Amino acid sequence: MAGPGAEEHDASDLCASALEEALASRPFRTYPALLSTEADAMAWGRAGGPHGAVVVAGYQASPRGRAGLPWTVPAAGALACSVLLRPGLAIEREGWLYPAGVAALGDIAHHDWTWSWPDTQHAEGEVVGRVGAYAALAGATVEWAVMNLLATRQPSPRGPVLARLLGALDGRLEQPPQELVADLRPRCTTLGKNVRLRLVPMGPRGIVIEGTATDLDEDGSLVVDTTGGRRPAVRPLDVGLVALDTDCA
């Protein structure tokens, strides 16, 4: 059902009445326009909002993804939303949110796709999906999290598309880690490449890791063979910018 503060926009396929039919009992908030669905979902999370609740808007003035980086949401044919999660993850597994989100986007894709670690889905040379996540920590666990999802090339009405995406995300979050990573590994175009990872917080003295991306851990981390012989596993939520060099020989 529609959450408090939601607004209805009769001309939209994301209006409250359309989503009530598509999402059944899942809590949601929908707006014709909003600064950021992430900000609204984060406020809902702090106020005790339920697992699986979703915020969606017809237009976002300042959509955000991983590490707060801005997104471009196409004006037509795109679905962007923020999902409130209470995943019960240990802190060391918070990166698991990224492969689960990427796989869920893949589950509703109408085309073959590849994945640039940690957050971008490609098809036919275009960006067709993105994932971003914010995790609120309490003690040794993730108390709640917000996952931002962007899927382009989506047909109207988008309410049923949103329902399929959220159902796919539910399933992927429950999937055994080794199975999900095995599904994604063949699609990850970052593997086998030289990478330069700038960690957060970013700045002139920030940490930069350079080397060859060789594997994915079961928590979604990218394993990098560095020139110094170390093999750090970098979690998605720890990385700000990812730069790819040439293919490795």
Protein backbone atom coordinates (compact mmCIF):
# COMPACT_ATOMS: atom_id res chain seq x y z
CA MET A 1 0.00 0.00 0.00
CA ALA A 2 1.09 3.59 -0.44
CA GLY A 3 3.22 4.90 2.42
CA PRO A 4 2.73 8.21 4.22
CA GLY A 5 3.80 11.25 2.23
CA ALA A 6 3.19 9.59 -1.13
CA GLU A 7 1.53 11.62 -3.84
CA GLU A 8 -0.64 10.44 -6.69
CA HIS A 9 -0.23 11.53 -10.28
CA ASP A 10 -3.13 10.29 -12.39
CA ALA A 11 -1.31 10.73 -15.71
CA SER A 12 1.57 8.46 -14.71
CA ASP A 13 1.95 4.70 -14.96
CA LEU A 14 3.70 5.01 -11.58
CA CYS A 15 0.73 6.61 -9.82
CA ALA A 16 -0.43 5.21 -6.48
CA SER A 17 -3.47 3.39 -7.91
CA ALA A 18 -1.35 1.66 -10.58
CA LEU A 19 1.28 0.57 -8.06
CA GLU A 20 -1.29 -0.64 -5.53
CA GLU A 21 -2.47 -3.08 -8.18
CA ALA A 22 1.03 -4.11 -9.31
CA LEU A 23 2.75 -4.34 -5.92
CA ALA A 24 -0.11 -5.83 -3.89
CA SER A 25 0.78 -5.53 -0.18
CA ARG A 26 4.34 -4.21 -0.60
CA PRO A 27 4.73 -0.78 1.08
CA PHE A 28 5.66 1.98 -1.37
CA ARG A 29 5.87 5.71 -1.85
CA THR A 30 5.45 7.29 -5.26
CA TYR A 31 5.90 10.88 -6.36
CA PRO A 32 5.51 12.69 -9.70
CA ALA A 33 8.81 14.44 -8.98
CA LEU A 34 11.39 14.21 -6.21
CA LEU A 35 14.91 15.41 -5.48
CA SER A 36 16.11 11.84 -4.84
CA THR A 37 14.34 8.57 -4.10
CA GLU A 38 17.44 7.53 -2.12
CA ALA A 39 17.06 10.43 0.33
CA ASP A 40 13.39 9.59 0.86
CA ALA A 41 14.13 5.89 1.38
CA MET A 42 16.95 6.67 3.82
CA ALA A 43 14.61 8.84 5.89
CA TRP A 44 12.08 5.98 5.84
CA GLY A 45 14.78 3.58 7.00
CA ARG A 46 15.76 5.81 9.93
CA ALA A 47 12.09 6.03 10.90
CA GLY A 48 11.77 2.24 11.05
CA GLY A 49 10.38 1.53 7.58
CA PRO A 50 9.87 -2.14 6.68
CA HIS A 51 12.09 -4.45 4.66
CA GLY A 52 11.20 -4.42 0.97
CA ALA A 53 9.55 -0.99 0.95
CA VAL A 54 10.20 0.94 -2.26
CA VAL A 55 10.30 4.61 -3.27
CA VAL A 56 9.76 5.56 -6.91
CA ALA A 57 9.31 8.86 -8.75
CA GLY A 58 8.41 9.90 -12.26
CA TYR A 59 11.27 12.40 -12.20
CA GLN A 60 14.32 12.82 -9.95
CA ALA A 61 16.19 16.11 -9.91
CA SER A 62 19.33 14.66 -8.31
CA PRO A 63 19.42 10.84 -8.58
CA ARG A 64 22.39 9.20 -6.85
CA GLY A 65 24.13 5.86 -7.10
CA ARG A 66 27.28 4.30 -5.68
CA ALA A 67 29.33 6.53 -3.36
CA GLY A 68 26.86 9.37 -3.94
CA LEU A 69 27.89 9.75 -7.58
CA PRO A 70 25.20 11.32 -9.79
CA TRP A 71 23.18 9.23 -12.21
CA THR A 72 21.57 10.20 -15.49
CA VAL A 73 18.04 8.81 -15.69
CA PRO A 74 16.59 8.87 -19.23
CA ALA A 75 13.38 10.84 -19.54
CA ALA A 76 11.55 7.94 -21.21
CA GLY A 77 11.69 4.18 -20.99
CA ALA A 78 13.54 4.06 -17.68
CA LEU A 79 12.65 2.81 -14.22
CA ALA A 80 14.55 4.18 -11.21
CA CYS A 81 13.74 3.32 -7.61
CA SER A 82 15.18 2.95 -4.13
CA VAL A 83 14.46 -0.15 -2.04
CA LEU A 84 14.68 -0.24 1.75
CA LEU A 85 16.25 -3.47 2.99
CA ARG A 86 16.83 -5.01 6.40
CA PRO A 87 19.05 -7.83 5.15
CA GLY A 88 20.55 -9.10 8.41
CA LEU A 89 24.04 -9.10 6.90
CA ALA A 90 27.29 -9.10 8.82
CA ILE A 91 29.34 -5.96 8.13
CA GLU A 92 31.94 -7.93 6.18
CA ARG A 93 29.18 -9.05 3.76
CA GLU A 94 27.66 -5.64 3.01
CA GLY A 95 29.11 -5.75 -0.51
CA TRP A 96 26.70 -8.61 -1.24
CA LEU A 97 24.05 -6.00 -2.03
CA TYR A 98 25.75 -5.11 -5.32
CA PRO A 99 25.85 -8.51 -7.05
CA ALA A 100 22.31 -9.19 -5.84
CA GLY A 101 21.11 -5.93 -7.41
CA VAL A 102 23.00 -6.49 -10.67
CA ALA A 103 21.62 -10.02 -10.98
CA ALA A 104 18.07 -8.81 -10.30
CA LEU A 105 18.38 -6.24 -13.10
CA GLY A 106 19.63 -9.02 -15.35
CA ASP A 107 16.61 -11.14 -14.47
CA ILE A 108 14.25 -8.59 -16.03
CA ALA A 109 16.47 -7.65 -18.99
CA HIS A 110 15.11 -8.09 -22.52
CA HIS A 111 18.59 -8.43 -24.03
CA ASP A 112 21.93 -10.08 -23.46
CA TRP A 113 24.08 -8.09 -21.05
CA THR A 114 27.46 -7.80 -19.38
CA TRP A 115 28.55 -6.35 -16.07
CA SER A 116 31.25 -3.82 -15.19
CA TRP A 117 32.11 -4.33 -11.52
CA PRO A 118 30.68 -3.23 -9.22
CA ASP A 119 27.53 -1.53 -10.46
CA THR A 120 26.95 -1.10 -14.20
CA GLN A 121 25.07 -3.30 -16.66
CA HIS A 122 25.78 -2.95 -20.39
CA ALA A 123 24.08 -4.15 -23.57
CA GLU A 124 24.97 -3.35 -27.17
CA GLY A 125 27.53 -0.76 -26.07
CA GLU A 126 25.09 1.15 -23.86
CA VAL A 127 24.55 1.43 -20.12
CA VAL A 128 21.23 -0.28 -19.43
CA GLY A 129 21.33 -0.69 -15.66
CA ARG A 130 22.98 0.63 -12.53
CA VAL A 131 23.08 -0.27 -8.85
CA GLY A 132 23.95 1.86 -5.84
CA ALA A 133 23.74 1.00 -2.16
CA TYR A 134 23.98 2.71 1.21
CA ALA A 135 24.34 0.60 4.35
CA ALA A 136 23.54 1.79 7.88
CA LEU A 137 25.64 -0.19 10.35
CA ALA A 138 24.83 -1.14 13.94
CA GLY A 139 27.42 -3.10 15.87
CA ALA A 140 28.63 -5.95 13.67
CA THR A 141 25.63 -6.00 11.33
CA VAL A 142 23.90 -3.99 8.61
CA GLU A 143 20.87 -2.58 10.43
CA TRP A 144 19.25 -1.40 7.21
CA ALA A 145 20.27 -0.50 3.69
CA VAL A 146 18.94 1.37 0.68
CA MET A 147 19.52 -0.07 -2.78
CA ASN A 148 19.12 2.23 -5.77
CA LEU A 149 18.23 0.51 -9.02
CA LEU A 150 18.10 1.94 -12.53
CA ALA A 151 16.84 -0.05 -15.50
CA THR A 152 16.57 1.51 -18.96
CA ARG A 153 14.72 0.20 -22.03
CA GLN A 154 11.67 -0.66 -19.93
CA PRO A 155 8.19 -0.67 -21.47
CA SER A 156 5.07 0.97 -20.10
CA PRO A 157 3.26 0.34 -17.89
CA ARG A 158 6.22 0.28 -15.50
CA GLY A 159 4.28 -0.91 -12.45
CA PRO A 160 4.45 -4.60 -13.47
CA VAL A 161 8.12 -4.13 -14.41
CA LEU A 162 8.82 -2.77 -10.92
CA ALA A 163 7.00 -5.73 -9.38
CA ARG A 164 9.13 -8.18 -11.37
CA LEU A 165 12.32 -6.34 -10.44
CA LEU A 166 11.50 -6.37 -6.73
CA GLY A 167 10.55 -10.04 -6.88
CA ALA A 168 13.83 -10.81 -8.62
CA LEU A 169 15.74 -8.86 -5.96
CA ASP A 170 14.00 -10.79 -3.18
CA GLY A 171 15.07 -14.04 -4.80
CA ARG A 172 18.65 -12.98 -5.44
CA LEU A 173 19.12 -11.79 -1.85
CA GLU A 174 18.12 -15.28 -0.70
CA GLN A 175 20.33 -17.12 -3.21
CA PRO A 176 23.43 -18.91 -1.85
CA PRO A 177 26.43 -16.59 -2.40
CA GLN A 178 28.49 -19.10 -4.37
CA GLU A 179 25.61 -19.68 -6.80
CA LEU A 180 24.97 -15.99 -7.42
CA VAL A 181 28.65 -15.19 -8.00
CA ALA A 182 28.90 -18.18 -10.33
CA ASP A 183 25.99 -16.72 -12.33
CA LEU A 184 27.67 -13.32 -12.57
CA ARG A 185 31.32 -14.23 -13.06
CA PRO A 186 31.01 -15.08 -16.82
CA ARG A 187 29.32 -11.71 -17.43
CA CYS A 188 31.89 -9.60 -15.57
CA THR A 189 33.98 -7.73 -18.14
CA THR A 190 36.22 -6.27 -15.42
CA LEU A 191 37.91 -9.61 -14.81
CA GLY A 192 41.20 -9.95 -16.67
CA LYS A 193 41.58 -6.17 -16.96
CA ASN A 194 44.09 -3.79 -15.40
CA VAL A 195 42.18 -1.64 -12.94
CA ARG A 196 42.76 1.45 -10.86
CA LEU A 197 40.45 1.67 -7.84
CA ARG A 198 40.17 4.88 -5.85
CA LEU A 199 38.71 4.11 -2.44
CA VAL A 200 36.41 6.30 -0.36
CA PRO A 201 36.80 8.84 1.05
CA MET A 202 38.25 10.18 -2.19
CA GLY A 203 40.82 12.97 -2.12
CA PRO A 204 44.44 13.78 -2.94
CA ARG A 205 45.66 11.49 -0.16
CA GLY A 206 43.08 8.79 -0.72
CA ILE A 207 44.00 5.14 -1.18
CA VAL A 208 44.43 3.88 -4.76
CA ILE A 209 44.75 0.19 -5.62
CA GLU A 210 46.18 -0.79 -9.00
CA GLY A 211 46.60 -4.22 -10.52
CA THR A 212 44.85 -6.99 -12.43
CA ALA A 213 41.27 -7.94 -11.55
CA THR A 214 41.41 -11.71 -11.18
CA ASP A 215 38.31 -12.92 -9.33
CA LEU A 216 35.12 -12.16 -7.44
CA ASP A 217 34.68 -13.13 -3.81
CA GLU A 218 31.38 -14.49 -2.56
CA ASP A 219 30.65 -11.16 -0.83
CA GLY A 220 30.88 -9.26 -4.12
CA SER A 221 34.44 -8.04 -3.59
CA LEU A 222 36.85 -7.72 -6.52
CA VAL A 223 40.15 -9.54 -6.02
CA VAL A 224 43.10 -7.55 -7.44
CA ASP A 225 46.61 -8.89 -8.04
CA THR A 226 48.83 -5.87 -7.39
CA THR A 227 52.38 -5.32 -8.64
CA GLY A 228 53.56 -5.55 -5.04
CA GLY A 229 52.32 -9.12 -4.75
CA ARG A 230 49.31 -8.39 -2.55
CA ARG A 231 45.81 -9.66 -3.44
CA PRO A 232 43.33 -7.32 -1.73
CA ALA A 233 39.62 -8.01 -2.03
CA VAL A 234 37.93 -4.63 -2.51
CA ARG A 235 34.31 -4.33 -1.41
CA PRO A 236 31.89 -2.42 -3.64
CA LEU A 237 30.90 0.04 -0.92
CA ASP A 238 34.57 0.92 -0.33
CA VAL A 239 35.31 2.04 -3.89
CA GLY A 240 34.62 5.48 -5.31
CA LEU A 241 36.01 5.52 -8.85
CA VAL A 242 36.92 2.57 -11.08
CA ALA A 243 39.22 3.06 -14.06
CA LEU A 244 40.02 0.33 -16.57
CA ASP A 245 43.29 0.15 -18.49
CA THR A 246 44.04 -2.21 -21.36
CA ASP A 247 43.23 -5.91 -21.42
CA CYS A 248 45.83 -8.01 -19.70
CA ALA A 249 47.95 -10.25 -21.85
